[in-house]
Amino acid sequence: MVLQQECGGYARGEPIRLYGSFTTRATSAPDQVRDGNSKIVSVVRTSTGLYTVTLDKGFPIPEKLVHAEAQLHTTATPTVFASAKYVTGSWSQSARTFQIVTTTSSAVADPDTGDRISFELVGSISSVGTDPA
């Protein structure tokens, strides 16, 4: 996970960006976590097509998310045509976790072994001045 300063230091109210990726293993645990500074504690396949990402406690995290995105990068010859997305409302500041789901056009599904899921979270260290919605 890379913690990127959007402007200046980490003073309250400033935006931060977190991003990383991992490789899927069909029904097994994901591996090859890439995060720049090893700030991802774990990526767990919670159920079919659902992954829970847990972040380390050693750096600032968003109090309020303003943007969250996930993308699926398929293998050279995909057998499962799926997409990945951030699960709306899954961000937990206290647990330092969020979830990503992969789906086909009709249902939640595990992607092919070797597919890579990348993600990006953008938020504010302080919720002051943000949209309360």
C-alpha atoms as a PDB file:
ATOM      1  CA  MET A   1       0.000   0.000   0.000  1.00  0.00           C
ATOM      2  CA  VAL A   2       1.332   3.395  -0.847  1.00  0.00           C
ATOM      3  CA  LEU A   3       0.279   6.332   1.287  1.00  0.00           C
ATOM      4  CA  GLN A   4       0.384   9.370  -0.920  1.00  0.00           C
ATOM      5  CA  GLN A   5       0.210  12.926   0.372  1.00  0.00           C
ATOM      6  CA  GLU A   6      -2.059  14.956  -1.862  1.00  0.00           C
ATOM      7  CA  CYS A   7      -0.725  18.260  -0.551  1.00  0.00           C
ATOM      8  CA  GLY A   8       1.648  19.117   2.295  1.00  0.00           C
ATOM      9  CA  GLY A   9       1.809  17.070   5.483  1.00  0.00           C
ATOM     10  CA  TYR A  10      -0.815  14.954   7.155  1.00  0.00           C
ATOM     11  CA  ALA A  11      -2.625  17.811   8.886  1.00  0.00           C
ATOM     12  CA  ARG A  12      -6.288  17.227   9.684  1.00  0.00           C
ATOM     13  CA  GLY A  13      -8.599  17.765   6.758  1.00  0.00           C
ATOM     14  CA  GLU A  14      -6.064  16.898   4.085  1.00  0.00           C
ATOM     15  CA  PRO A  15      -6.812  14.178   1.530  1.00  0.00           C
ATOM     16  CA  ILE A  16      -4.805  10.958   1.423  1.00  0.00           C
ATOM     17  CA  ARG A  17      -4.699   8.193  -1.168  1.00  0.00           C
ATOM     18  CA  LEU A  18      -4.133   4.493  -0.444  1.00  0.00           C
ATOM     19  CA  TYR A  19      -3.634   1.901  -3.159  1.00  0.00           C
ATOM     20  CA  GLY A  20      -2.382  -1.615  -3.710  1.00  0.00           C
ATOM     21  CA  SER A  21      -3.125  -4.900  -5.459  1.00  0.00           C
ATOM     22  CA  PHE A  22      -3.169  -8.668  -5.021  1.00  0.00           C
ATOM     23  CA  THR A  23      -3.350 -11.804  -7.175  1.00  0.00           C
ATOM     24  CA  THR A  24      -6.390 -14.081  -6.999  1.00  0.00           C
ATOM     25  CA  ARG A  25      -6.150 -17.854  -6.616  1.00  0.00           C
ATOM     26  CA  ALA A  26      -9.711 -18.967  -7.540  1.00  0.00           C
ATOM     27  CA  THR A  27     -11.076 -20.486  -4.307  1.00  0.00           C
ATOM     28  CA  SER A  28      -7.764 -20.236  -2.386  1.00  0.00           C
ATOM     29  CA  ALA A  29      -6.255 -17.344  -0.447  1.00  0.00           C
ATOM     30  CA  PRO A  30      -5.001 -14.420  -2.567  1.00  0.00           C
ATOM     31  CA  ASP A  31      -1.253 -13.851  -2.758  1.00  0.00           C
ATOM     32  CA  GLN A  32       1.401 -11.577  -4.279  1.00  0.00           C
ATOM     33  CA  VAL A  33       0.165  -8.573  -2.329  1.00  0.00           C
ATOM     34  CA  ARG A  34       1.772  -5.415  -3.700  1.00  0.00           C
ATOM     35  CA  ASP A  35       1.501  -2.349  -1.580  1.00  0.00           C
ATOM     36  CA  GLY A  36       4.729  -0.393  -1.781  1.00  0.00           C
ATOM     37  CA  ASN A  37       5.304  -0.136   1.981  1.00  0.00           C
ATOM     38  CA  SER A  38       3.841  -3.449   3.263  1.00  0.00           C
ATOM     39  CA  LYS A  39       0.951  -1.671   4.963  1.00  0.00           C
ATOM     40  CA  ILE A  40      -1.576  -4.353   4.028  1.00  0.00           C
ATOM     41  CA  VAL A  41      -1.809  -6.792   6.920  1.00  0.00           C
ATOM     42  CA  SER A  42      -3.901  -9.340   5.042  1.00  0.00           C
ATOM     43  CA  VAL A  43      -6.181 -10.054   2.104  1.00  0.00           C
ATOM     44  CA  VAL A  44      -8.692 -12.809   2.821  1.00  0.00           C
ATOM     45  CA  ARG A  45     -11.116 -14.493   0.434  1.00  0.00           C
ATOM     46  CA  THR A  46     -14.184 -14.197   2.684  1.00  0.00           C
ATOM     47  CA  SER A  47     -16.562 -16.082   0.385  1.00  0.00           C
ATOM     48  CA  THR A  48     -17.182 -16.568  -3.341  1.00  0.00           C
ATOM     49  CA  GLY A  49     -15.887 -13.434  -5.066  1.00  0.00           C
ATOM     50  CA  LEU A  50     -15.604 -11.432  -1.801  1.00  0.00           C
ATOM     51  CA  TYR A  51     -12.254 -10.225  -0.438  1.00  0.00           C
ATOM     52  CA  THR A  52     -11.564  -8.400   2.839  1.00  0.00           C
ATOM     53  CA  VAL A  53      -8.462  -6.188   2.948  1.00  0.00           C
ATOM     54  CA  THR A  54      -7.009  -5.262   6.365  1.00  0.00           C
ATOM     55  CA  LEU A  55      -4.594  -2.335   6.692  1.00  0.00           C
ATOM     56  CA  ASP A  56      -1.708  -1.876   9.140  1.00  0.00           C
ATOM     57  CA  LYS A  57      -1.967   0.508  12.093  1.00  0.00           C
ATOM     58  CA  GLY A  58       1.277   2.348  11.360  1.00  0.00           C
ATOM     59  CA  PHE A  59       0.030   5.227   9.198  1.00  0.00           C
ATOM     60  CA  PRO A  60      -2.916   7.624   8.826  1.00  0.00           C
ATOM     61  CA  ILE A  61      -6.089   6.317   7.215  1.00  0.00           C
ATOM     62  CA  PRO A  62      -9.160   8.153   5.969  1.00  0.00           C
ATOM     63  CA  GLU A  63     -11.830   9.034   8.515  1.00  0.00           C
ATOM     64  CA  LYS A  64     -14.260   9.600   5.634  1.00  0.00           C
ATOM     65  CA  LEU A  65     -13.897   8.087   2.169  1.00  0.00           C
ATOM     66  CA  VAL A  66     -14.585  10.344  -0.782  1.00  0.00           C
ATOM     67  CA  HIS A  67     -13.635   7.830  -3.484  1.00  0.00           C
ATOM     68  CA  ALA A  68     -13.077   4.069  -3.582  1.00  0.00           C
ATOM     69  CA  GLU A  69     -12.386   1.986  -6.650  1.00  0.00           C
ATOM     70  CA  ALA A  70     -11.275  -1.540  -7.544  1.00  0.00           C
ATOM     71  CA  GLN A  71     -10.309  -3.017 -10.892  1.00  0.00           C
ATOM     72  CA  LEU A  72      -9.769  -6.554 -12.130  1.00  0.00           C
ATOM     73  CA  HIS A  73      -6.901  -7.218 -14.534  1.00  0.00           C
ATOM     74  CA  THR A  74      -7.466 -10.567 -16.241  1.00  0.00           C
ATOM     75  CA  THR A  75      -5.000 -13.219 -17.312  1.00  0.00           C
ATOM     76  CA  ALA A  76      -3.951 -13.563 -20.934  1.00  0.00           C
ATOM     77  CA  THR A  77      -6.722 -16.082 -21.706  1.00  0.00           C
ATOM     78  CA  PRO A  78      -9.594 -15.494 -19.281  1.00  0.00           C
ATOM     79  CA  THR A  79     -12.179 -18.220 -18.650  1.00  0.00           C
ATOM     80  CA  VAL A  80     -14.230 -16.091 -16.256  1.00  0.00           C
ATOM     81  CA  PHE A  81     -15.226 -12.650 -17.528  1.00  0.00           C
ATOM     82  CA  ALA A  82     -15.625 -10.683 -14.314  1.00  0.00           C
ATOM     83  CA  SER A  83     -15.157  -7.212 -12.902  1.00  0.00           C
ATOM     84  CA  ALA A  84     -14.164  -5.968  -9.447  1.00  0.00           C
ATOM     85  CA  LYS A  85     -15.609  -3.168  -7.354  1.00  0.00           C
ATOM     86  CA  TYR A  86     -15.369  -1.700  -3.878  1.00  0.00           C
ATOM     87  CA  VAL A  87     -18.281  -2.856  -1.696  1.00  0.00           C
ATOM     88  CA  THR A  88     -20.160   0.349  -0.863  1.00  0.00           C
ATOM     89  CA  GLY A  89     -20.281   0.951   2.881  1.00  0.00           C
ATOM     90  CA  SER A  90     -17.681  -1.706   3.730  1.00  0.00           C
ATOM     91  CA  TRP A  91     -14.989   0.750   4.930  1.00  0.00           C
ATOM     92  CA  SER A  92     -14.442   0.393   8.686  1.00  0.00           C
ATOM     93  CA  GLN A  93     -12.066   2.946  10.133  1.00  0.00           C
ATOM     94  CA  SER A  94     -11.929   1.199  13.529  1.00  0.00           C
ATOM     95  CA  ALA A  95     -11.186  -2.248  12.045  1.00  0.00           C
ATOM     96  CA  ARG A  96      -9.092  -0.725   9.220  1.00  0.00           C
ATOM     97  CA  THR A  97     -10.830  -2.982   6.686  1.00  0.00           C
ATOM     98  CA  PHE A  98     -12.776  -2.766   3.451  1.00  0.00           C
ATOM     99  CA  GLN A  99     -14.165  -5.268   0.977  1.00  0.00           C
ATOM    100  CA  ILE A 100     -13.932  -5.875  -2.758  1.00  0.00           C
ATOM    101  CA  VAL A 101     -16.360  -8.054  -4.716  1.00  0.00           C
ATOM    102  CA  THR A 102     -15.900  -9.649  -8.147  1.00  0.00           C
ATOM    103  CA  THR A 103     -18.898 -10.292 -10.348  1.00  0.00           C
ATOM    104  CA  THR A 104     -19.772 -11.573 -13.786  1.00  0.00           C
ATOM    105  CA  SER A 105     -22.633 -10.012 -15.728  1.00  0.00           C
ATOM    106  CA  SER A 106     -25.125 -12.037 -13.685  1.00  0.00           C
ATOM    107  CA  ALA A 107     -23.678 -13.038 -10.303  1.00  0.00           C
ATOM    108  CA  VAL A 108     -20.887 -12.851  -7.742  1.00  0.00           C
ATOM    109  CA  ALA A 109     -18.049 -15.097  -8.937  1.00  0.00           C
ATOM    110  CA  ASP A 110     -14.439 -15.972  -8.245  1.00  0.00           C
ATOM    111  CA  PRO A 111     -12.088 -14.622 -10.910  1.00  0.00           C
ATOM    112  CA  ASP A 112      -9.532 -16.786 -12.688  1.00  0.00           C
ATOM    113  CA  THR A 113      -6.410 -17.876 -10.856  1.00  0.00           C
ATOM    114  CA  GLY A 114      -3.695 -15.320 -11.525  1.00  0.00           C
ATOM    115  CA  ASP A 115      -6.005 -12.358 -12.121  1.00  0.00           C
ATOM    116  CA  ARG A 116      -4.874  -9.205 -10.321  1.00  0.00           C
ATOM    117  CA  ILE A 117      -7.186  -6.922  -8.360  1.00  0.00           C
ATOM    118  CA  SER A 118      -6.010  -3.372  -7.771  1.00  0.00           C
ATOM    119  CA  PHE A 119      -7.678  -0.795  -5.554  1.00  0.00           C
ATOM    120  CA  GLU A 120      -7.536   2.852  -4.602  1.00  0.00           C
ATOM    121  CA  LEU A 121      -9.088   4.642  -1.620  1.00  0.00           C
ATOM    122  CA  VAL A 122      -9.136   8.427  -1.324  1.00  0.00           C
ATOM    123  CA  GLY A 123     -10.363  10.180   1.763  1.00  0.00           C
ATOM    124  CA  SER A 124      -9.860  12.924   4.278  1.00  0.00           C
ATOM    125  CA  ILE A 125      -8.013  12.530   7.552  1.00  0.00           C
ATOM    126  CA  SER A 126     -10.743  14.701   9.053  1.00  0.00           C
ATOM    127  CA  SER A 127     -14.435  14.616   8.157  1.00  0.00           C
ATOM    128  CA  VAL A 128     -14.693  18.366   8.811  1.00  0.00           C
ATOM    129  CA  GLY A 129     -15.843  20.156   5.668  1.00  0.00           C
ATOM    130  CA  THR A 130     -16.891  17.015   3.807  1.00  0.00           C
ATOM    131  CA  ASP A 131     -20.285  16.125   2.485  1.00  0.00           C
ATOM    132  CA  PRO A 132     -22.196  14.450   5.347  1.00  0.00           C
ATOM    133  CA  ALA A 133     -24.031  12.116   2.976  1.00  0.00           C
END
